[in-house]
Amino acid sequence: MPGGGWATALPRWNYLGADTSKYQTYYTLKSSDVDKPWDYLVATCNALNSTPLAELPDILPRYLDIDRTLWHLASEIAFSDDDV
């Protein structure tokens, strides 16, 4: 399956609306220690899609741990872990 095993061509981080069930087709929640983790995903997608680019450096850290995300992406690339 091309594209790292994704079953659909829908790009990630798209805001699909406030209904969290719409995201569960495209994302897999492996674990969580917070209440309503899907709400955090929705809020992050909304921020990424609705915040003007110039404001993202101030807004995005409210929703996403940038440093931790970059380390995760670097390790995914370095070790080619497609999570399949």
C-alpha atoms as a PDB file:
ATOM      1  CA  MET A   1       0.000   0.000   0.000  1.00  0.00           C
ATOM      2  CA  PRO A   2       1.633   3.313  -1.027  1.00  0.00           C
ATOM      3  CA  GLY A   3       1.964   6.290   1.267  1.00  0.00           C
ATOM      4  CA  GLY A   4       3.282   4.632   4.408  1.00  0.00           C
ATOM      5  CA  GLY A   5       0.348   2.290   4.797  1.00  0.00           C
ATOM      6  CA  TRP A   6      -2.391   4.933   4.850  1.00  0.00           C
ATOM      7  CA  ALA A   7      -5.641   3.541   3.539  1.00  0.00           C
ATOM      8  CA  THR A   8      -6.801   6.830   2.072  1.00  0.00           C
ATOM      9  CA  ALA A   9      -5.360   9.803   0.260  1.00  0.00           C
ATOM     10  CA  LEU A  10      -6.971  12.244   2.724  1.00  0.00           C
ATOM     11  CA  PRO A  11      -4.099  14.359   4.076  1.00  0.00           C
ATOM     12  CA  ARG A  12      -3.548  14.256   7.795  1.00  0.00           C
ATOM     13  CA  TRP A  13      -4.282  17.158  10.110  1.00  0.00           C
ATOM     14  CA  ASN A  14      -7.333  18.249   8.108  1.00  0.00           C
ATOM     15  CA  TYR A  15     -10.113  19.802  10.145  1.00  0.00           C
ATOM     16  CA  LEU A  16     -13.148  17.581   9.556  1.00  0.00           C
ATOM     17  CA  GLY A  17     -15.503  19.400  11.922  1.00  0.00           C
ATOM     18  CA  ALA A  18     -16.226  19.083  15.629  1.00  0.00           C
ATOM     19  CA  ASP A  19     -17.586  15.518  15.472  1.00  0.00           C
ATOM     20  CA  THR A  20     -14.748  13.350  16.818  1.00  0.00           C
ATOM     21  CA  SER A  21     -16.134  10.207  15.185  1.00  0.00           C
ATOM     22  CA  LYS A  22     -15.107  11.594  11.783  1.00  0.00           C
ATOM     23  CA  TYR A  23     -11.446  11.451  12.857  1.00  0.00           C
ATOM     24  CA  GLN A  24     -11.556   7.879  14.127  1.00  0.00           C
ATOM     25  CA  THR A  25     -11.528   6.545  10.557  1.00  0.00           C
ATOM     26  CA  TYR A  26      -8.134   8.160   9.921  1.00  0.00           C
ATOM     27  CA  TYR A  27      -6.416   8.011  13.318  1.00  0.00           C
ATOM     28  CA  THR A  28      -5.728   5.251  15.816  1.00  0.00           C
ATOM     29  CA  LEU A  29      -5.623   6.113  19.499  1.00  0.00           C
ATOM     30  CA  LYS A  30      -3.020   3.771  20.990  1.00  0.00           C
ATOM     31  CA  SER A  31      -3.119   5.129  24.526  1.00  0.00           C
ATOM     32  CA  SER A  32      -4.018   8.232  26.462  1.00  0.00           C
ATOM     33  CA  ASP A  33      -3.823   9.566  29.967  1.00  0.00           C
ATOM     34  CA  VAL A  34      -6.134  12.524  29.345  1.00  0.00           C
ATOM     35  CA  ASP A  35      -9.899  12.826  29.289  1.00  0.00           C
ATOM     36  CA  LYS A  36     -11.430  13.141  25.823  1.00  0.00           C
ATOM     37  CA  PRO A  37      -8.196  12.821  23.797  1.00  0.00           C
ATOM     38  CA  TRP A  38     -10.117  13.088  20.513  1.00  0.00           C
ATOM     39  CA  ASP A  39     -11.137  16.629  21.457  1.00  0.00           C
ATOM     40  CA  TYR A  40      -7.447  17.585  21.575  1.00  0.00           C
ATOM     41  CA  LEU A  41      -6.934  16.191  18.079  1.00  0.00           C
ATOM     42  CA  VAL A  42      -9.916  18.154  16.762  1.00  0.00           C
ATOM     43  CA  ALA A  43      -8.664  21.360  18.395  1.00  0.00           C
ATOM     44  CA  THR A  44      -5.177  20.862  16.939  1.00  0.00           C
ATOM     45  CA  CYS A  45      -6.524  20.210  13.444  1.00  0.00           C
ATOM     46  CA  ASN A  46      -8.757  23.250  13.707  1.00  0.00           C
ATOM     47  CA  ALA A  47      -5.850  25.441  14.834  1.00  0.00           C
ATOM     48  CA  LEU A  48      -3.633  24.183  12.008  1.00  0.00           C
ATOM     49  CA  ASN A  49      -6.300  24.814   9.391  1.00  0.00           C
ATOM     50  CA  SER A  50      -7.819  28.080  10.599  1.00  0.00           C
ATOM     51  CA  THR A  51      -4.928  30.048  12.108  1.00  0.00           C
ATOM     52  CA  PRO A  52      -3.214  32.566   9.833  1.00  0.00           C
ATOM     53  CA  LEU A  53       0.362  31.477   9.111  1.00  0.00           C
ATOM     54  CA  ALA A  54       1.854  34.521  10.824  1.00  0.00           C
ATOM     55  CA  GLU A  55       0.056  33.625  14.073  1.00  0.00           C
ATOM     56  CA  LEU A  56       0.957  29.909  14.125  1.00  0.00           C
ATOM     57  CA  PRO A  57       4.180  30.305  16.174  1.00  0.00           C
ATOM     58  CA  ASP A  58       2.109  31.821  18.991  1.00  0.00           C
ATOM     59  CA  ILE A  59      -1.021  29.659  18.685  1.00  0.00           C
ATOM     60  CA  LEU A  60       0.242  26.172  17.811  1.00  0.00           C
ATOM     61  CA  PRO A  61       2.174  25.485  21.055  1.00  0.00           C
ATOM     62  CA  ARG A  62      -1.164  25.728  22.893  1.00  0.00           C
ATOM     63  CA  TYR A  63      -2.249  22.566  21.075  1.00  0.00           C
ATOM     64  CA  LEU A  64       0.915  20.716  20.103  1.00  0.00           C
ATOM     65  CA  ASP A  65       4.249  20.052  21.818  1.00  0.00           C
ATOM     66  CA  ILE A  66       6.422  21.207  18.920  1.00  0.00           C
ATOM     67  CA  ASP A  67       9.744  19.883  20.256  1.00  0.00           C
ATOM     68  CA  ARG A  68       8.339  16.446  21.052  1.00  0.00           C
ATOM     69  CA  THR A  69       6.583  16.285  17.681  1.00  0.00           C
ATOM     70  CA  LEU A  70       9.784  17.130  15.799  1.00  0.00           C
ATOM     71  CA  TRP A  71      11.716  14.461  17.718  1.00  0.00           C
ATOM     72  CA  HIS A  72       8.999  11.930  16.920  1.00  0.00           C
ATOM     73  CA  LEU A  73       9.053  12.787  13.214  1.00  0.00           C
ATOM     74  CA  ALA A  74      12.859  12.614  13.122  1.00  0.00           C
ATOM     75  CA  SER A  75      12.860   9.154  14.692  1.00  0.00           C
ATOM     76  CA  GLU A  76      10.119   7.971  12.320  1.00  0.00           C
ATOM     77  CA  ILE A  77      12.180   9.124   9.354  1.00  0.00           C
ATOM     78  CA  ALA A  78      15.493   7.773  10.703  1.00  0.00           C
ATOM     79  CA  PHE A  79      14.142   4.332  11.516  1.00  0.00           C
ATOM     80  CA  SER A  80      11.517   4.096   8.743  1.00  0.00           C
ATOM     81  CA  ASP A  81       8.858   2.933  11.197  1.00  0.00           C
ATOM     82  CA  ASP A  82       5.649   2.805   9.164  1.00  0.00           C
ATOM     83  CA  ASP A  83       3.764   1.526  12.229  1.00  0.00           C
ATOM     84  CA  VAL A  84       2.335  -1.355  10.257  1.00  0.00           C
END
